[in-house]
N, C-alpha and C. Protein backbone atom coordinates (compact mmCIF):
# COMPACT_ATOMS: atom_id res chain seq x y z
N UNK A 1 -4.20 17.90 7.58
CA UNK A 1 -4.38 18.14 6.16
C UNK A 1 -3.30 17.45 5.35
N UNK A 2 -3.40 17.62 4.07
CA UNK A 2 -2.40 17.06 3.15
C UNK A 2 -2.46 17.84 1.85
N UNK A 3 -1.31 17.98 1.19
CA UNK A 3 -1.25 18.59 -0.15
C UNK A 3 -0.54 17.58 -1.05
N UNK A 4 -1.15 17.28 -2.19
CA UNK A 4 -0.59 16.32 -3.15
C UNK A 4 -0.43 17.00 -4.50
N UNK A 5 0.76 16.85 -5.08
CA UNK A 5 1.06 17.39 -6.41
C UNK A 5 1.54 16.22 -7.26
N UNK A 6 1.00 16.08 -8.48
CA UNK A 6 1.51 15.00 -9.33
C UNK A 6 1.59 15.47 -10.77
N UNK A 7 2.46 14.79 -11.54
CA UNK A 7 2.66 15.13 -12.94
C UNK A 7 3.14 13.87 -13.66
N UNK A 8 3.06 13.91 -14.98
CA UNK A 8 3.40 12.76 -15.81
C UNK A 8 4.90 12.55 -15.86
N UNK A 9 5.30 11.28 -15.82
CA UNK A 9 6.70 10.92 -16.04
C UNK A 9 6.89 10.83 -17.55
N UNK A 10 7.93 11.45 -18.08
CA UNK A 10 8.16 11.39 -19.51
C UNK A 10 8.52 9.97 -19.93
N UNK A 11 8.39 9.69 -21.21
CA UNK A 11 8.57 8.32 -21.70
C UNK A 11 9.97 7.77 -21.46
N UNK A 12 10.97 8.64 -21.30
CA UNK A 12 12.34 8.16 -21.09
C UNK A 12 12.71 8.08 -19.61
N UNK A 13 11.73 8.27 -18.72
CA UNK A 13 12.00 8.20 -17.29
C UNK A 13 11.19 7.08 -16.66
N UNK A 14 11.81 6.40 -15.71
CA UNK A 14 11.12 5.39 -14.93
C UNK A 14 11.51 5.56 -13.47
N UNK A 15 10.57 5.99 -12.65
CA UNK A 15 10.84 6.12 -11.22
C UNK A 15 11.83 7.20 -10.86
N UNK A 16 11.88 8.28 -11.63
CA UNK A 16 12.78 9.39 -11.34
C UNK A 16 11.95 10.66 -11.22
N UNK A 17 12.05 11.35 -10.11
CA UNK A 17 11.30 12.59 -9.92
C UNK A 17 11.96 13.71 -10.68
N UNK A 18 11.14 14.57 -11.30
CA UNK A 18 11.66 15.75 -11.98
C UNK A 18 11.79 16.93 -11.05
N UNK A 19 11.11 16.89 -9.90
CA UNK A 19 11.10 18.00 -8.96
C UNK A 19 11.36 17.45 -7.56
N UNK A 20 11.51 18.36 -6.58
CA UNK A 20 11.73 17.94 -5.20
C UNK A 20 10.66 18.53 -4.29
N UNK A 21 10.49 17.87 -3.14
CA UNK A 21 9.54 18.34 -2.14
C UNK A 21 8.56 17.27 -1.73
N UNK A 22 8.30 17.14 -0.45
CA UNK A 22 7.36 16.15 0.06
C UNK A 22 7.91 14.73 -0.08
N UNK A 23 7.02 13.76 0.19
CA UNK A 23 7.36 12.34 0.01
C UNK A 23 7.05 11.97 -1.44
N UNK A 24 8.02 11.44 -2.15
CA UNK A 24 7.86 11.16 -3.58
C UNK A 24 7.52 9.68 -3.80
N UNK A 25 6.52 9.43 -4.64
CA UNK A 25 6.16 8.07 -5.03
C UNK A 25 5.79 8.09 -6.51
N UNK A 26 5.63 6.90 -7.08
CA UNK A 26 5.35 6.77 -8.50
C UNK A 26 4.20 5.79 -8.68
N UNK A 27 3.25 6.16 -9.55
CA UNK A 27 2.13 5.26 -9.81
C UNK A 27 1.52 5.59 -11.16
N UNK A 28 1.31 4.56 -11.97
CA UNK A 28 0.55 4.67 -13.21
C UNK A 28 1.06 5.80 -14.12
N UNK A 29 2.38 5.87 -14.27
CA UNK A 29 2.97 6.86 -15.15
C UNK A 29 3.01 8.28 -14.59
N UNK A 30 2.79 8.41 -13.29
CA UNK A 30 2.80 9.74 -12.65
C UNK A 30 3.80 9.77 -11.50
N UNK A 31 4.41 10.94 -11.30
CA UNK A 31 5.21 11.21 -10.10
C UNK A 31 4.30 11.94 -9.12
N UNK A 32 4.30 11.51 -7.87
CA UNK A 32 3.41 12.06 -6.85
C UNK A 32 4.24 12.60 -5.69
N UNK A 33 4.04 13.88 -5.37
CA UNK A 33 4.70 14.51 -4.23
C UNK A 33 3.62 14.72 -3.16
N UNK A 34 3.75 14.04 -2.03
CA UNK A 34 2.76 14.13 -0.95
C UNK A 34 3.36 14.89 0.22
N UNK A 35 2.71 15.99 0.58
CA UNK A 35 3.15 16.81 1.72
C UNK A 35 2.22 16.56 2.90
N UNK A 36 2.72 15.94 3.95
CA UNK A 36 1.97 15.80 5.19
C UNK A 36 2.46 16.80 6.23
N UNK A 37 3.53 17.49 5.91
CA UNK A 37 4.05 18.61 6.69
C UNK A 37 4.35 19.74 5.71
N UNK A 38 4.39 20.95 6.20
CA UNK A 38 4.70 22.08 5.34
C UNK A 38 6.09 21.95 4.75
N UNK A 39 6.27 22.44 3.53
CA UNK A 39 7.56 22.33 2.87
C UNK A 39 7.60 23.18 1.61
N UNK A 40 8.50 22.84 0.69
CA UNK A 40 8.70 23.61 -0.54
C UNK A 40 8.76 22.65 -1.72
N UNK A 41 8.05 22.99 -2.79
CA UNK A 41 8.10 22.24 -4.05
C UNK A 41 9.01 23.03 -4.98
N UNK A 42 10.05 22.37 -5.51
CA UNK A 42 11.05 23.06 -6.32
C UNK A 42 11.26 22.30 -7.63
N UNK A 43 11.26 23.06 -8.74
CA UNK A 43 11.46 22.45 -10.06
C UNK A 43 12.83 22.83 -10.61
N UNK A 44 13.45 21.94 -11.42
CA UNK A 44 14.73 22.25 -12.03
C UNK A 44 14.54 23.09 -13.31
N UNK A 45 15.64 23.44 -13.93
CA UNK A 45 15.59 24.28 -15.14
C UNK A 45 14.91 23.62 -16.31
N UNK A 46 14.81 22.30 -16.32
CA UNK A 46 14.21 21.59 -17.45
C UNK A 46 12.73 21.29 -17.26
N UNK A 47 12.12 21.73 -16.18
CA UNK A 47 10.74 21.36 -15.83
C UNK A 47 9.73 22.20 -16.60
N UNK A 48 8.75 21.55 -17.17
CA UNK A 48 7.62 22.24 -17.80
C UNK A 48 6.46 21.25 -17.87
N UNK A 49 5.56 21.32 -16.87
CA UNK A 49 4.47 20.36 -16.75
C UNK A 49 3.18 21.05 -16.32
N UNK A 50 2.07 20.46 -16.72
CA UNK A 50 0.78 20.81 -16.12
C UNK A 50 0.58 19.83 -14.98
N UNK A 51 0.59 20.36 -13.77
CA UNK A 51 0.49 19.47 -12.60
C UNK A 51 -0.97 19.39 -12.13
N UNK A 52 -1.29 18.27 -11.50
CA UNK A 52 -2.57 18.09 -10.83
C UNK A 52 -2.35 18.24 -9.35
N UNK A 53 -3.30 18.84 -8.65
CA UNK A 53 -3.11 19.04 -7.21
C UNK A 53 -4.38 18.72 -6.42
N UNK A 54 -4.16 18.35 -5.16
CA UNK A 54 -5.21 18.25 -4.16
C UNK A 54 -4.72 19.01 -2.94
N UNK A 55 -5.52 19.94 -2.45
CA UNK A 55 -5.18 20.72 -1.26
C UNK A 55 -6.29 20.49 -0.23
N UNK A 56 -5.95 19.76 0.84
CA UNK A 56 -6.92 19.39 1.87
C UNK A 56 -6.50 19.99 3.20
N UNK A 57 -7.37 20.79 3.81
CA UNK A 57 -7.06 21.45 5.09
C UNK A 57 -7.29 20.49 6.27
N UNK A 58 -6.83 20.92 7.45
CA UNK A 58 -7.05 20.14 8.66
C UNK A 58 -8.51 20.17 9.09
N UNK A 59 -8.97 19.08 9.68
CA UNK A 59 -10.36 19.01 10.16
C UNK A 59 -10.52 19.73 11.49
N UNK A 60 -11.74 20.18 11.77
CA UNK A 60 -12.02 20.85 13.03
C UNK A 60 -12.12 19.88 14.20
N UNK A 61 -11.94 20.40 15.40
CA UNK A 61 -12.05 19.58 16.60
C UNK A 61 -13.49 19.27 16.93
N UNK A 62 -13.71 18.13 17.58
CA UNK A 62 -15.05 17.74 18.02
C UNK A 62 -15.43 18.34 19.35
N UNK A 63 -16.73 18.47 19.59
CA UNK A 63 -17.23 19.14 20.77
C UNK A 63 -17.51 18.27 21.97
N UNK A 64 -16.95 17.08 22.09
CA UNK A 64 -17.11 16.16 23.22
C UNK A 64 -18.50 15.52 23.23
N UNK A 65 -18.79 14.77 24.30
CA UNK A 65 -20.03 14.02 24.40
C UNK A 65 -21.25 14.92 24.25
N UNK A 66 -22.13 14.61 23.34
CA UNK A 66 -23.33 15.36 22.98
C UNK A 66 -23.02 16.73 22.37
N UNK A 67 -21.75 17.02 22.17
CA UNK A 67 -21.36 18.20 21.40
C UNK A 67 -21.35 17.86 19.92
N UNK A 68 -21.06 18.84 19.10
CA UNK A 68 -21.05 18.62 17.66
C UNK A 68 -19.72 18.08 17.16
N UNK A 69 -19.78 17.35 16.07
CA UNK A 69 -18.56 16.83 15.45
C UNK A 69 -17.81 17.92 14.71
N UNK A 70 -16.52 17.72 14.54
CA UNK A 70 -15.71 18.68 13.80
C UNK A 70 -15.94 18.55 12.30
N UNK A 71 -15.91 19.68 11.60
CA UNK A 71 -16.08 19.67 10.15
C UNK A 71 -14.80 19.25 9.44
N UNK A 72 -14.96 18.63 8.30
CA UNK A 72 -13.80 18.23 7.48
C UNK A 72 -13.11 19.48 6.95
N UNK A 73 -11.80 19.36 6.75
CA UNK A 73 -11.08 20.45 6.13
C UNK A 73 -11.54 20.65 4.69
N UNK A 74 -11.47 21.89 4.22
CA UNK A 74 -11.85 22.18 2.84
C UNK A 74 -11.01 21.37 1.87
N UNK A 75 -11.59 21.05 0.72
CA UNK A 75 -10.98 20.19 -0.28
C UNK A 75 -11.03 20.91 -1.62
N UNK A 76 -9.83 21.14 -2.21
CA UNK A 76 -9.79 21.76 -3.53
C UNK A 76 -8.85 20.97 -4.43
N UNK A 77 -9.22 20.85 -5.68
CA UNK A 77 -8.43 20.09 -6.64
C UNK A 77 -8.48 20.77 -7.99
N UNK A 78 -7.47 20.54 -8.81
CA UNK A 78 -7.44 21.16 -10.14
C UNK A 78 -6.10 20.93 -10.80
N UNK A 79 -5.83 21.71 -11.84
CA UNK A 79 -4.56 21.63 -12.57
C UNK A 79 -4.01 23.04 -12.75
N UNK A 80 -2.68 23.11 -12.90
CA UNK A 80 -2.04 24.40 -13.17
C UNK A 80 -0.69 24.15 -13.83
N UNK A 81 -0.29 25.01 -14.78
CA UNK A 81 1.03 24.84 -15.37
C UNK A 81 2.12 25.33 -14.43
N UNK A 82 3.23 24.61 -14.38
CA UNK A 82 4.38 25.01 -13.59
C UNK A 82 5.62 24.87 -14.48
N UNK A 83 6.41 25.93 -14.53
CA UNK A 83 7.57 25.95 -15.41
C UNK A 83 8.87 25.68 -14.70
N UNK A 84 9.95 26.00 -15.38
CA UNK A 84 11.30 25.69 -14.90
C UNK A 84 11.74 26.64 -13.79
N UNK A 85 12.62 26.12 -12.96
CA UNK A 85 13.28 26.89 -11.88
C UNK A 85 12.27 27.63 -11.00
N UNK A 86 11.21 26.94 -10.61
CA UNK A 86 10.20 27.49 -9.73
C UNK A 86 10.35 26.90 -8.33
N UNK A 87 10.00 27.68 -7.34
CA UNK A 87 10.01 27.20 -5.95
C UNK A 87 8.83 27.83 -5.25
N UNK A 88 7.94 27.02 -4.70
CA UNK A 88 6.78 27.59 -4.02
C UNK A 88 6.48 26.85 -2.72
N UNK A 89 5.95 27.62 -1.78
CA UNK A 89 5.67 27.10 -0.44
C UNK A 89 4.39 26.27 -0.42
N UNK A 90 4.44 25.18 0.32
CA UNK A 90 3.28 24.34 0.58
C UNK A 90 3.03 24.34 2.09
N UNK A 91 1.84 24.71 2.49
CA UNK A 91 1.48 24.76 3.91
C UNK A 91 0.41 23.71 4.19
N UNK A 92 0.66 22.87 5.20
CA UNK A 92 -0.28 21.81 5.56
C UNK A 92 -0.88 22.14 6.92
N UNK A 93 -2.20 22.30 6.97
CA UNK A 93 -2.88 22.65 8.21
C UNK A 93 -3.09 21.46 9.11
N UNK A 94 -2.95 21.69 10.41
CA UNK A 94 -3.17 20.64 11.41
C UNK A 94 -4.65 20.55 11.76
N UNK A 95 -5.05 19.41 12.31
CA UNK A 95 -6.42 19.24 12.80
C UNK A 95 -6.63 19.99 14.09
N UNK A 96 -7.87 20.42 14.35
CA UNK A 96 -8.22 21.11 15.58
C UNK A 96 -8.35 20.12 16.74
N UNK A 97 -7.99 20.57 17.94
CA UNK A 97 -8.05 19.72 19.13
C UNK A 97 -9.49 19.60 19.62
N UNK A 98 -9.89 18.39 19.94
CA UNK A 98 -11.25 18.15 20.44
C UNK A 98 -11.43 18.63 21.87
N UNK A 99 -12.68 18.86 22.26
CA UNK A 99 -13.02 19.33 23.61
C UNK A 99 -13.26 18.14 24.54
N UNK A 100 -12.32 17.25 24.68
CA UNK A 100 -12.51 16.05 25.50
C UNK A 100 -12.82 16.45 26.95
N UNK A 101 -13.90 15.89 27.48
CA UNK A 101 -14.26 16.14 28.86
C UNK A 101 -14.97 17.46 29.11
N UNK A 102 -15.19 18.28 28.07
CA UNK A 102 -15.87 19.56 28.28
C UNK A 102 -17.32 19.32 28.63
N UNK A 103 -17.82 20.03 29.65
CA UNK A 103 -19.23 19.90 30.03
C UNK A 103 -19.92 21.25 30.15
N UNK A 104 -19.17 22.33 30.19
CA UNK A 104 -19.75 23.65 30.42
C UNK A 104 -20.35 24.23 29.15
N UNK A 105 -21.56 24.80 29.29
CA UNK A 105 -22.17 25.47 28.15
C UNK A 105 -21.45 26.75 27.80
N UNK A 106 -20.58 27.23 28.71
CA UNK A 106 -19.81 28.44 28.44
C UNK A 106 -18.50 28.17 27.71
N UNK A 107 -18.18 26.90 27.50
CA UNK A 107 -16.95 26.56 26.79
C UNK A 107 -17.03 27.06 25.36
N UNK A 108 -15.92 27.48 24.76
CA UNK A 108 -15.94 27.92 23.37
C UNK A 108 -16.14 26.73 22.44
N UNK A 109 -16.49 27.03 21.20
CA UNK A 109 -16.51 25.97 20.19
C UNK A 109 -15.13 25.36 20.11
N UNK A 110 -15.05 24.10 19.71
CA UNK A 110 -13.76 23.45 19.51
C UNK A 110 -12.96 24.22 18.45
N UNK A 111 -11.64 24.15 18.49
CA UNK A 111 -10.84 24.89 17.53
C UNK A 111 -11.04 24.41 16.09
N UNK A 112 -10.95 25.35 15.18
CA UNK A 112 -10.98 25.00 13.76
C UNK A 112 -9.68 24.31 13.36
N UNK A 113 -9.72 23.55 12.28
CA UNK A 113 -8.51 23.02 11.70
C UNK A 113 -7.72 24.12 11.01
N UNK A 114 -6.47 23.85 10.73
CA UNK A 114 -5.62 24.83 10.06
C UNK A 114 -5.82 24.82 8.56
N UNK A 115 -5.64 25.98 7.93
CA UNK A 115 -5.72 26.09 6.47
C UNK A 115 -4.54 25.37 5.84
N UNK A 116 -4.75 24.83 4.66
CA UNK A 116 -3.67 24.29 3.81
C UNK A 116 -3.62 25.11 2.53
N UNK A 117 -2.41 25.27 1.99
CA UNK A 117 -2.28 26.07 0.76
C UNK A 117 -1.07 25.64 -0.04
N UNK A 118 -1.10 25.98 -1.31
CA UNK A 118 0.04 25.82 -2.20
C UNK A 118 0.17 27.11 -3.00
N UNK A 119 1.32 27.76 -2.88
CA UNK A 119 1.53 29.08 -3.51
C UNK A 119 2.05 28.89 -4.93
N UNK A 120 1.19 28.34 -5.81
CA UNK A 120 1.58 28.10 -7.19
C UNK A 120 1.95 29.41 -7.88
N UNK A 121 2.82 29.36 -8.88
CA UNK A 121 3.21 30.58 -9.60
C UNK A 121 2.02 31.34 -10.19
N UNK A 122 0.96 30.62 -10.62
CA UNK A 122 -0.20 31.27 -11.20
C UNK A 122 -1.22 31.76 -10.18
N UNK A 123 -0.98 31.55 -8.90
CA UNK A 123 -1.90 31.97 -7.85
C UNK A 123 -2.00 30.93 -6.76
N UNK A 124 -2.13 31.39 -5.54
CA UNK A 124 -2.20 30.50 -4.38
C UNK A 124 -3.57 29.84 -4.27
N UNK A 125 -3.57 28.53 -4.03
CA UNK A 125 -4.78 27.77 -3.77
C UNK A 125 -4.83 27.50 -2.27
N UNK A 126 -5.91 27.94 -1.62
CA UNK A 126 -6.05 27.75 -0.17
C UNK A 126 -7.34 27.01 0.14
N UNK A 127 -7.24 26.01 1.00
CA UNK A 127 -8.42 25.32 1.53
C UNK A 127 -8.56 25.69 3.00
N UNK A 128 -9.77 26.06 3.41
CA UNK A 128 -10.02 26.51 4.78
C UNK A 128 -10.15 25.33 5.74
N UNK A 129 -9.60 25.47 6.94
CA UNK A 129 -9.71 24.44 7.96
C UNK A 129 -11.16 24.19 8.34
N UNK A 130 -11.46 22.96 8.73
CA UNK A 130 -12.82 22.61 9.13
C UNK A 130 -13.24 23.33 10.40
N UNK A 131 -14.53 23.61 10.51
CA UNK A 131 -15.06 24.30 11.68
C UNK A 131 -15.15 23.38 12.89
N UNK A 132 -14.88 23.95 14.07
CA UNK A 132 -14.98 23.19 15.31
C UNK A 132 -16.43 22.96 15.72
N UNK A 133 -16.69 21.81 16.31
CA UNK A 133 -18.02 21.52 16.82
C UNK A 133 -18.32 22.31 18.09
N UNK A 134 -19.60 22.54 18.36
CA UNK A 134 -19.96 23.26 19.58
C UNK A 134 -19.97 22.30 20.78
N UNK A 135 -19.68 22.82 21.98
CA UNK A 135 -19.58 21.96 23.16
C UNK A 135 -20.95 21.50 23.65
N UNK A 136 -20.97 20.49 24.53
CA UNK A 136 -22.26 20.03 25.05
C UNK A 136 -22.97 21.13 25.85
N UNK A 137 -24.27 21.02 25.90
CA UNK A 137 -25.11 21.93 26.70
C UNK A 137 -25.07 23.38 26.22
N UNK A 138 -24.67 23.59 24.97
CA UNK A 138 -24.54 24.98 24.51
C UNK A 138 -25.63 25.37 23.51
N UNK A 139 -26.68 24.55 23.35
CA UNK A 139 -27.76 24.88 22.43
C UNK A 139 -28.41 26.18 22.89
N UNK A 140 -28.86 27.05 22.00
CA UNK A 140 -28.89 26.87 20.55
C UNK A 140 -27.70 27.51 19.83
N UNK A 141 -26.54 27.50 20.41
CA UNK A 141 -25.36 28.10 19.78
C UNK A 141 -25.10 27.51 18.40
N UNK A 142 -24.53 28.33 17.51
CA UNK A 142 -24.11 27.87 16.19
C UNK A 142 -22.66 27.43 16.24
N UNK A 143 -22.36 26.29 15.69
CA UNK A 143 -20.98 25.78 15.63
C UNK A 143 -20.15 26.63 14.69
N UNK A 144 -18.85 26.42 14.72
CA UNK A 144 -17.93 27.23 13.92
C UNK A 144 -18.06 26.93 12.43
N UNK A 145 -17.85 27.96 11.63
CA UNK A 145 -17.81 27.81 10.17
C UNK A 145 -16.39 27.48 9.73
N UNK A 146 -16.24 26.97 8.52
CA UNK A 146 -14.93 26.63 7.99
C UNK A 146 -15.05 26.05 6.60
N UNK A 147 -14.00 25.32 6.17
CA UNK A 147 -14.10 24.64 4.87
C UNK A 147 -15.34 23.78 4.83
N UNK A 148 -15.57 23.01 5.88
CA UNK A 148 -16.86 22.38 6.18
C UNK A 148 -17.21 22.79 7.60
N UNK A 149 -18.49 23.04 7.88
CA UNK A 149 -18.90 23.54 9.18
C UNK A 149 -18.88 22.47 10.25
N UNK A 150 -18.66 22.91 11.50
CA UNK A 150 -18.76 22.02 12.64
C UNK A 150 -20.21 21.68 12.93
N UNK A 151 -20.42 20.60 13.70
CA UNK A 151 -21.77 20.18 14.06
C UNK A 151 -22.27 20.92 15.29
N UNK A 152 -23.59 21.11 15.36
CA UNK A 152 -24.22 21.73 16.52
C UNK A 152 -24.44 20.73 17.64
N UNK A 153 -24.43 21.19 18.88
CA UNK A 153 -24.59 20.29 20.01
C UNK A 153 -26.06 19.92 20.22
N UNK A 154 -26.27 18.83 20.98
CA UNK A 154 -27.62 18.44 21.37
C UNK A 154 -28.16 19.48 22.37
N UNK A 155 -29.45 19.75 22.43
CA UNK A 155 -30.48 19.16 21.58
C UNK A 155 -30.85 20.00 20.36
N UNK A 156 -30.48 21.31 20.37
CA UNK A 156 -30.95 22.17 19.27
C UNK A 156 -29.85 23.03 18.68
N UNK A 157 -28.60 22.63 18.85
CA UNK A 157 -27.50 23.42 18.30
C UNK A 157 -27.52 23.45 16.77
N UNK A 158 -26.99 24.51 16.22
CA UNK A 158 -27.04 24.72 14.77
C UNK A 158 -25.66 24.45 14.18
N UNK A 159 -25.62 23.72 13.09
CA UNK A 159 -24.36 23.43 12.40
C UNK A 159 -23.76 24.68 11.78
N UNK A 160 -22.43 24.74 11.76
CA UNK A 160 -21.74 25.87 11.17
C UNK A 160 -21.76 25.82 9.65
N UNK A 161 -21.51 26.96 9.03
CA UNK A 161 -21.51 27.05 7.57
C UNK A 161 -20.24 26.45 6.98
N UNK A 162 -20.38 25.76 5.87
CA UNK A 162 -19.24 25.26 5.12
C UNK A 162 -18.86 26.22 4.01
N UNK A 163 -17.79 25.88 3.31
CA UNK A 163 -17.34 26.68 2.17
C UNK A 163 -17.01 28.12 2.58
N UNK A 164 -16.35 28.27 3.74
CA UNK A 164 -16.00 29.59 4.28
C UNK A 164 -14.52 29.78 4.19
N UNK A 165 -13.96 30.84 3.59
CA UNK A 165 -14.74 31.87 2.90
C UNK A 165 -15.33 31.32 1.60
N UNK A 166 -16.38 31.97 1.07
CA UNK A 166 -16.96 31.43 -0.16
C UNK A 166 -15.94 31.34 -1.28
N UNK A 167 -15.86 30.20 -1.91
CA UNK A 167 -15.00 30.00 -3.07
C UNK A 167 -15.78 29.25 -4.12
N UNK A 168 -15.30 29.31 -5.34
CA UNK A 168 -15.95 28.59 -6.44
C UNK A 168 -14.88 27.82 -7.19
N UNK A 169 -15.03 26.48 -7.32
CA UNK A 169 -16.16 25.69 -6.82
C UNK A 169 -16.11 25.53 -5.31
N UNK A 170 -17.22 25.14 -4.69
CA UNK A 170 -17.24 24.98 -3.23
C UNK A 170 -16.21 23.95 -2.75
N UNK A 171 -15.75 24.14 -1.50
CA UNK A 171 -14.74 23.23 -0.94
C UNK A 171 -15.26 22.41 0.22
N UNK A 172 -16.52 22.56 0.60
CA UNK A 172 -17.05 21.80 1.72
C UNK A 172 -18.53 22.05 1.91
N UNK A 173 -19.07 21.52 3.02
CA UNK A 173 -20.52 21.57 3.27
C UNK A 173 -20.80 22.03 4.70
N UNK A 174 -22.06 22.39 4.95
CA UNK A 174 -22.49 22.82 6.28
C UNK A 174 -22.46 21.64 7.26
N UNK A 175 -22.27 21.97 8.55
CA UNK A 175 -22.37 20.97 9.60
C UNK A 175 -23.83 20.65 9.91
N UNK A 176 -24.03 19.51 10.54
CA UNK A 176 -25.39 19.10 10.90
C UNK A 176 -25.86 19.74 12.20
N UNK A 177 -27.16 19.86 12.37
CA UNK A 177 -27.76 20.39 13.59
C UNK A 177 -27.86 19.29 14.65
N UNK A 178 -27.82 19.69 15.93
CA UNK A 178 -28.07 18.73 17.00
C UNK A 178 -29.54 18.35 17.03
N UNK A 179 -29.83 17.15 17.53
CA UNK A 179 -31.22 16.68 17.61
C UNK A 179 -31.36 15.73 18.78
N UNK A 180 -32.33 16.00 19.67
CA UNK A 180 -32.54 15.13 20.83
C UNK A 180 -31.31 15.14 21.71
N UNK A 181 -30.76 13.95 22.00
CA UNK A 181 -29.55 13.89 22.83
C UNK A 181 -28.30 13.60 22.02
N UNK A 182 -28.37 13.90 20.71
CA UNK A 182 -27.24 13.61 19.82
C UNK A 182 -26.74 14.89 19.17
N UNK A 183 -25.43 15.12 19.24
CA UNK A 183 -24.83 16.26 18.58
C UNK A 183 -24.79 16.04 17.07
N UNK A 184 -24.82 17.12 16.31
CA UNK A 184 -24.78 17.03 14.87
C UNK A 184 -23.39 16.67 14.36
N UNK A 185 -23.33 16.01 13.22
CA UNK A 185 -22.07 15.66 12.61
C UNK A 185 -21.46 16.86 11.90
N UNK A 186 -20.12 16.88 11.85
CA UNK A 186 -19.46 17.90 11.06
C UNK A 186 -19.68 17.68 9.59
N UNK A 187 -19.66 18.77 8.83
CA UNK A 187 -19.84 18.66 7.39
C UNK A 187 -18.68 17.92 6.73
N UNK A 188 -18.96 17.30 5.60
CA UNK A 188 -17.94 16.59 4.83
C UNK A 188 -17.25 17.51 3.85
N UNK A 189 -16.06 17.12 3.41
CA UNK A 189 -15.33 17.93 2.44
C UNK A 189 -16.01 17.90 1.09
N UNK A 190 -15.75 18.91 0.27
CA UNK A 190 -16.36 19.00 -1.05
C UNK A 190 -15.83 17.95 -2.00
């Protein structure tokens, strides 16, 4: 997963971050804090900005040959005001491990991806990890649900539900069903 926070650079600043946390870059009059690992976003006493954010969870693991694909991590974006002397946790979810070499119909679904979140002062934004795909030979099992659902295995596996838990606006889509000798694809992010 990844969490990105950005805000406008004031007219008297060029290439100077107003806050700390994540990898900092500058583009088109904005300061961008990119978190690829969990960390903390901290503002100084002079900070007062409406920030834009993207919170993307880890994708689910795939279900191996003829199993279902892993679902994309949930995707949420928006804006929120952040004031001075604030410090909030940013959690970045890891991707789920694929079921490489799995052949047993008794194998569990591949692991879901990890949730990502940003504990903004006005409320925490959480994106759910993608659902794991179902293993081969496990039809008609339903794949795991998540931000986007995992894919169902061949030949008749059912894709997992996306947008889990339900949030508004939606953060992902359902996984695809298996068909013939092909496992279904994992759902895409919202």
